[in-house]
Amino acid sequence: MSIRMPQPLDLADEPSELPQRVEVVAPSSSEYIGRVAVRRAALALTPREGLEFSLRAYVDSLAARPTFTRIFTIEALAAGGKVRELRDERFEGFIDFYRELARRAREEDPSLDEPTDDLIVAAIGAIAELVRRTVSMHGPERVPELYDTIHDVVWALVLGGTKRR
């Protein structure tokens, strides 16, 4: 699914007005294929390379789609309904992706612990808040500056390391 705006977003709008103004539609084939392609490509690499590839695609895509990014990171929780369902669906997709990335990292290094789902959710929640705060305070174009911090959060909580090497 994706979010389509019938009119430009006014960030002064009350959250209660958003469900009437935002339409959730099925993903375009290119959007869906792009998301699947990034995850498949990331999982074809080493866990470290896959993490770096997927995070770069994530932060760059958020910066490239500012209206979507503002809606998805700031307004989606307040909007409820289909918009909230879309956010939750994407969140679950990240959980599945990081779980698989962690499994592959353990295959490479059996000394790594399996992260609990709570640790994976904590990493994704931390990323979501870092992105939300940056978008709110500085705009979506600044999201790529979070790359190193996001990488370190995922590496520490999901892949069993402490910092990017």
C-alpha atoms as a PDB file:
ATOM      1  CA  MET A   1       0.000   0.000   0.000  1.00  0.00           C
ATOM      2  CA  SER A   2       1.015   3.571  -0.430  1.00  0.00           C
ATOM      3  CA  ILE A   3      -0.310   6.920   0.638  1.00  0.00           C
ATOM      4  CA  ARG A   4      -1.830   9.305  -1.876  1.00  0.00           C
ATOM      5  CA  MET A   5      -2.650  12.879  -0.972  1.00  0.00           C
ATOM      6  CA  PRO A   6      -5.681  14.406  -2.737  1.00  0.00           C
ATOM      7  CA  GLN A   7      -4.299  17.839  -1.824  1.00  0.00           C
ATOM      8  CA  PRO A   8      -0.980  19.083  -0.446  1.00  0.00           C
ATOM      9  CA  LEU A   9      -0.250  18.335   3.172  1.00  0.00           C
ATOM     10  CA  ASP A  10      -0.467  21.275   5.523  1.00  0.00           C
ATOM     11  CA  LEU A  11       1.497  20.375   8.628  1.00  0.00           C
ATOM     12  CA  ALA A  12      -0.743  22.745  10.593  1.00  0.00           C
ATOM     13  CA  ASP A  13      -3.686  20.390  10.005  1.00  0.00           C
ATOM     14  CA  GLU A  14      -5.092  18.713  13.054  1.00  0.00           C
ATOM     15  CA  PRO A  15      -4.381  14.954  13.095  1.00  0.00           C
ATOM     16  CA  SER A  16      -8.132  14.287  13.203  1.00  0.00           C
ATOM     17  CA  GLU A  17      -8.438  15.854   9.732  1.00  0.00           C
ATOM     18  CA  LEU A  18      -5.918  13.510   8.127  1.00  0.00           C
ATOM     19  CA  PRO A  19      -8.101  10.412   7.646  1.00  0.00           C
ATOM     20  CA  GLN A  20     -10.460  12.445   5.460  1.00  0.00           C
ATOM     21  CA  ARG A  21      -7.559  13.843   3.411  1.00  0.00           C
ATOM     22  CA  VAL A  22      -5.333  10.786   2.993  1.00  0.00           C
ATOM     23  CA  GLU A  23      -6.160   7.906   0.730  1.00  0.00           C
ATOM     24  CA  VAL A  24      -4.382   4.571   1.127  1.00  0.00           C
ATOM     25  CA  VAL A  25      -4.007   2.666  -2.119  1.00  0.00           C
ATOM     26  CA  ALA A  26      -2.389  -0.566  -3.210  1.00  0.00           C
ATOM     27  CA  PRO A  27       1.321  -0.194  -3.895  1.00  0.00           C
ATOM     28  CA  SER A  28       2.359   0.557  -7.404  1.00  0.00           C
ATOM     29  CA  SER A  29       4.185  -2.347  -8.955  1.00  0.00           C
ATOM     30  CA  SER A  30       7.403  -0.340  -9.052  1.00  0.00           C
ATOM     31  CA  GLU A  31       7.110   0.599  -5.340  1.00  0.00           C
ATOM     32  CA  TYR A  32       6.467  -3.004  -4.329  1.00  0.00           C
ATOM     33  CA  ILE A  33       9.172  -4.391  -6.612  1.00  0.00           C
ATOM     34  CA  GLY A  34      11.618  -1.784  -5.307  1.00  0.00           C
ATOM     35  CA  ARG A  35      10.990  -2.720  -1.674  1.00  0.00           C
ATOM     36  CA  VAL A  36      11.251  -6.441  -2.408  1.00  0.00           C
ATOM     37  CA  ALA A  37      14.360  -5.921  -4.555  1.00  0.00           C
ATOM     38  CA  VAL A  38      16.158  -4.002  -1.800  1.00  0.00           C
ATOM     39  CA  ARG A  39      15.422  -6.707   0.772  1.00  0.00           C
ATOM     40  CA  ARG A  40      16.402  -9.543  -1.569  1.00  0.00           C
ATOM     41  CA  ALA A  41      19.592  -7.791  -2.613  1.00  0.00           C
ATOM     42  CA  ALA A  42      20.453  -7.062   1.020  1.00  0.00           C
ATOM     43  CA  LEU A  43      19.950 -10.693   1.994  1.00  0.00           C
ATOM     44  CA  ALA A  44      22.159 -11.840  -0.897  1.00  0.00           C
ATOM     45  CA  LEU A  45      25.079  -9.907   0.612  1.00  0.00           C
ATOM     46  CA  THR A  46      26.985 -10.569   3.815  1.00  0.00           C
ATOM     47  CA  PRO A  47      24.994  -9.447   6.873  1.00  0.00           C
ATOM     48  CA  ARG A  48      27.208  -6.362   7.287  1.00  0.00           C
ATOM     49  CA  GLU A  49      26.940  -5.422   3.599  1.00  0.00           C
ATOM     50  CA  GLY A  50      23.210  -6.178   3.597  1.00  0.00           C
ATOM     51  CA  LEU A  51      22.669  -3.910   6.574  1.00  0.00           C
ATOM     52  CA  GLU A  52      24.659  -1.099   4.966  1.00  0.00           C
ATOM     53  CA  PHE A  53      22.874  -1.498   1.622  1.00  0.00           C
ATOM     54  CA  SER A  54      19.377  -1.599   3.123  1.00  0.00           C
ATOM     55  CA  LEU A  55      19.954   1.324   5.478  1.00  0.00           C
ATOM     56  CA  ARG A  56      21.378   3.493   2.703  1.00  0.00           C
ATOM     57  CA  ALA A  57      18.334   2.687   0.529  1.00  0.00           C
ATOM     58  CA  TYR A  58      16.032   3.496   3.475  1.00  0.00           C
ATOM     59  CA  VAL A  59      17.480   6.885   4.424  1.00  0.00           C
ATOM     60  CA  ASP A  60      17.918   7.964   0.797  1.00  0.00           C
ATOM     61  CA  SER A  61      14.338   6.999  -0.120  1.00  0.00           C
ATOM     62  CA  LEU A  62      12.947   8.953   2.841  1.00  0.00           C
ATOM     63  CA  ALA A  63      14.919  12.033   1.806  1.00  0.00           C
ATOM     64  CA  ALA A  64      13.733  11.674  -1.796  1.00  0.00           C
ATOM     65  CA  ARG A  65      10.028  11.486  -0.848  1.00  0.00           C
ATOM     66  CA  PRO A  66       9.474  14.327   1.642  1.00  0.00           C
ATOM     67  CA  THR A  67       5.656  14.387   1.642  1.00  0.00           C
ATOM     68  CA  PHE A  68       5.410  10.639   2.162  1.00  0.00           C
ATOM     69  CA  THR A  69       8.116  10.817   4.825  1.00  0.00           C
ATOM     70  CA  ARG A  70       6.316  13.532   6.789  1.00  0.00           C
ATOM     71  CA  ILE A  71       3.047  11.603   6.674  1.00  0.00           C
ATOM     72  CA  PHE A  72       4.600   8.256   7.478  1.00  0.00           C
ATOM     73  CA  THR A  73       6.844   9.441  10.312  1.00  0.00           C
ATOM     74  CA  ILE A  74       4.842  12.224  11.913  1.00  0.00           C
ATOM     75  CA  GLU A  75       1.171  11.959  10.993  1.00  0.00           C
ATOM     76  CA  ALA A  76       0.564   8.205  10.631  1.00  0.00           C
ATOM     77  CA  LEU A  77       0.216   7.470  14.338  1.00  0.00           C
ATOM     78  CA  ALA A  78      -2.381  10.189  14.823  1.00  0.00           C
ATOM     79  CA  ALA A  79      -4.235   9.425  11.605  1.00  0.00           C
ATOM     80  CA  GLY A  80      -5.342   5.942  12.615  1.00  0.00           C
ATOM     81  CA  GLY A  81      -7.338   3.756  10.241  1.00  0.00           C
ATOM     82  CA  LYS A  82      -5.765   2.639   6.998  1.00  0.00           C
ATOM     83  CA  VAL A  83      -2.754   4.936   7.360  1.00  0.00           C
ATOM     84  CA  ARG A  84      -1.919   3.406  10.735  1.00  0.00           C
ATOM     85  CA  GLU A  85      -2.439  -0.083   9.304  1.00  0.00           C
ATOM     86  CA  LEU A  86       0.027   0.705   6.522  1.00  0.00           C
ATOM     87  CA  ARG A  87       2.608   1.920   9.038  1.00  0.00           C
ATOM     88  CA  ASP A  88       2.123  -1.184  11.174  1.00  0.00           C
ATOM     89  CA  GLU A  89       2.456  -3.414   8.101  1.00  0.00           C
ATOM     90  CA  ARG A  90       5.748  -1.762   7.140  1.00  0.00           C
ATOM     91  CA  PHE A  91       6.949  -2.025  10.745  1.00  0.00           C
ATOM     92  CA  GLU A  92       6.273  -5.794  10.717  1.00  0.00           C
ATOM     93  CA  GLY A  93       8.179  -6.061   7.436  1.00  0.00           C
ATOM     94  CA  PHE A  94      11.218  -4.486   9.092  1.00  0.00           C
ATOM     95  CA  ILE A  95      10.937  -6.947  11.997  1.00  0.00           C
ATOM     96  CA  ASP A  96      10.926  -9.888   9.570  1.00  0.00           C
ATOM     97  CA  PHE A  97      13.839  -8.431   7.592  1.00  0.00           C
ATOM     98  CA  TYR A  98      16.014  -7.802  10.670  1.00  0.00           C
ATOM     99  CA  ARG A  99      15.159 -11.238  12.084  1.00  0.00           C
ATOM    100  CA  GLU A 100      16.404 -12.827   8.848  1.00  0.00           C
ATOM    101  CA  LEU A 101      19.492 -10.619   8.736  1.00  0.00           C
ATOM    102  CA  ALA A 102      20.302 -11.640  12.328  1.00  0.00           C
ATOM    103  CA  ARG A 103      19.806 -15.324  11.474  1.00  0.00           C
ATOM    104  CA  ARG A 104      22.291 -14.984   8.613  1.00  0.00           C
ATOM    105  CA  ALA A 105      24.761 -13.151  10.856  1.00  0.00           C
ATOM    106  CA  ARG A 106      24.587 -16.063  13.332  1.00  0.00           C
ATOM    107  CA  GLU A 107      25.299 -18.504  10.504  1.00  0.00           C
ATOM    108  CA  GLU A 108      28.425 -16.490   9.766  1.00  0.00           C
ATOM    109  CA  ASP A 109      29.354 -16.152  13.452  1.00  0.00           C
ATOM    110  CA  PRO A 110      27.710 -18.762  15.729  1.00  0.00           C
ATOM    111  CA  SER A 111      28.937 -16.916  18.833  1.00  0.00           C
ATOM    112  CA  LEU A 112      26.312 -14.188  18.229  1.00  0.00           C
ATOM    113  CA  ASP A 113      23.170 -14.354  20.317  1.00  0.00           C
ATOM    114  CA  GLU A 114      19.768 -14.519  18.697  1.00  0.00           C
ATOM    115  CA  PRO A 115      18.052 -11.178  19.244  1.00  0.00           C
ATOM    116  CA  THR A 116      14.643 -11.305  20.849  1.00  0.00           C
ATOM    117  CA  ASP A 117      11.735  -9.789  18.989  1.00  0.00           C
ATOM    118  CA  ASP A 118      11.677  -7.136  21.724  1.00  0.00           C
ATOM    119  CA  LEU A 119      15.258  -6.103  20.855  1.00  0.00           C
ATOM    120  CA  ILE A 120      14.375  -5.944  17.177  1.00  0.00           C
ATOM    121  CA  VAL A 121      11.289  -3.846  17.956  1.00  0.00           C
ATOM    122  CA  ALA A 122      13.407  -1.603  20.203  1.00  0.00           C
ATOM    123  CA  ALA A 123      15.874  -1.028  17.347  1.00  0.00           C
ATOM    124  CA  ILE A 124      13.094  -0.224  14.886  1.00  0.00           C
ATOM    125  CA  GLY A 125      11.385   2.026  17.418  1.00  0.00           C
ATOM    126  CA  ALA A 126      14.633   3.882  18.047  1.00  0.00           C
ATOM    127  CA  ILE A 127      15.133   4.343  14.313  1.00  0.00           C
ATOM    128  CA  ALA A 128      11.545   5.546  13.887  1.00  0.00           C
ATOM    129  CA  GLU A 129      11.985   8.125  16.642  1.00  0.00           C
ATOM    130  CA  LEU A 130      15.347   9.320  15.292  1.00  0.00           C
ATOM    131  CA  VAL A 131      13.783   9.765  11.868  1.00  0.00           C
ATOM    132  CA  ARG A 132      10.585  11.374  13.241  1.00  0.00           C
ATOM    133  CA  ARG A 133      12.553  13.856  15.322  1.00  0.00           C
ATOM    134  CA  THR A 134      14.870  14.753  12.438  1.00  0.00           C
ATOM    135  CA  VAL A 135      11.986  15.185   9.992  1.00  0.00           C
ATOM    136  CA  SER A 136      10.045  17.270  12.494  1.00  0.00           C
ATOM    137  CA  MET A 137      12.942  19.518  13.489  1.00  0.00           C
ATOM    138  CA  HIS A 138      15.040  19.696  10.315  1.00  0.00           C
ATOM    139  CA  GLY A 139      13.108  18.186   7.403  1.00  0.00           C
ATOM    140  CA  PRO A 140      13.323  14.906   5.465  1.00  0.00           C
ATOM    141  CA  GLU A 141      16.393  16.023   3.521  1.00  0.00           C
ATOM    142  CA  ARG A 142      18.439  15.598   6.729  1.00  0.00           C
ATOM    143  CA  VAL A 143      17.467  11.923   7.244  1.00  0.00           C
ATOM    144  CA  PRO A 144      20.565  10.570   5.411  1.00  0.00           C
ATOM    145  CA  GLU A 145      22.703  12.215   8.106  1.00  0.00           C
ATOM    146  CA  LEU A 146      21.310   9.604  10.526  1.00  0.00           C
ATOM    147  CA  TYR A 147      22.878   6.713   8.621  1.00  0.00           C
ATOM    148  CA  ASP A 148      25.783   6.073  11.013  1.00  0.00           C
ATOM    149  CA  THR A 149      23.614   6.281  14.133  1.00  0.00           C
ATOM    150  CA  ILE A 150      20.922   4.027  12.668  1.00  0.00           C
ATOM    151  CA  HIS A 151      23.598   1.555  11.586  1.00  0.00           C
ATOM    152  CA  ASP A 152      25.067   1.457  15.099  1.00  0.00           C
ATOM    153  CA  VAL A 153      21.631   0.944  16.685  1.00  0.00           C
ATOM    154  CA  VAL A 154      20.830  -2.031  14.443  1.00  0.00           C
ATOM    155  CA  TRP A 155      24.328  -3.443  14.762  1.00  0.00           C
ATOM    156  CA  ALA A 156      24.240  -3.249  18.561  1.00  0.00           C
ATOM    157  CA  LEU A 157      20.686  -4.440  19.200  1.00  0.00           C
ATOM    158  CA  VAL A 158      20.019  -6.822  16.323  1.00  0.00           C
ATOM    159  CA  LEU A 159      23.326  -8.127  14.992  1.00  0.00           C
ATOM    160  CA  GLY A 160      25.172  -8.457  18.285  1.00  0.00           C
ATOM    161  CA  GLY A 161      27.961  -5.933  17.803  1.00  0.00           C
ATOM    162  CA  THR A 162      28.612  -2.682  19.565  1.00  0.00           C
ATOM    163  CA  LYS A 163      29.684  -0.252  16.857  1.00  0.00           C
ATOM    164  CA  ARG A 164      30.206  -0.143  13.154  1.00  0.00           C
ATOM    165  CA  ARG A 165      33.742  -1.180  12.287  1.00  0.00           C
END
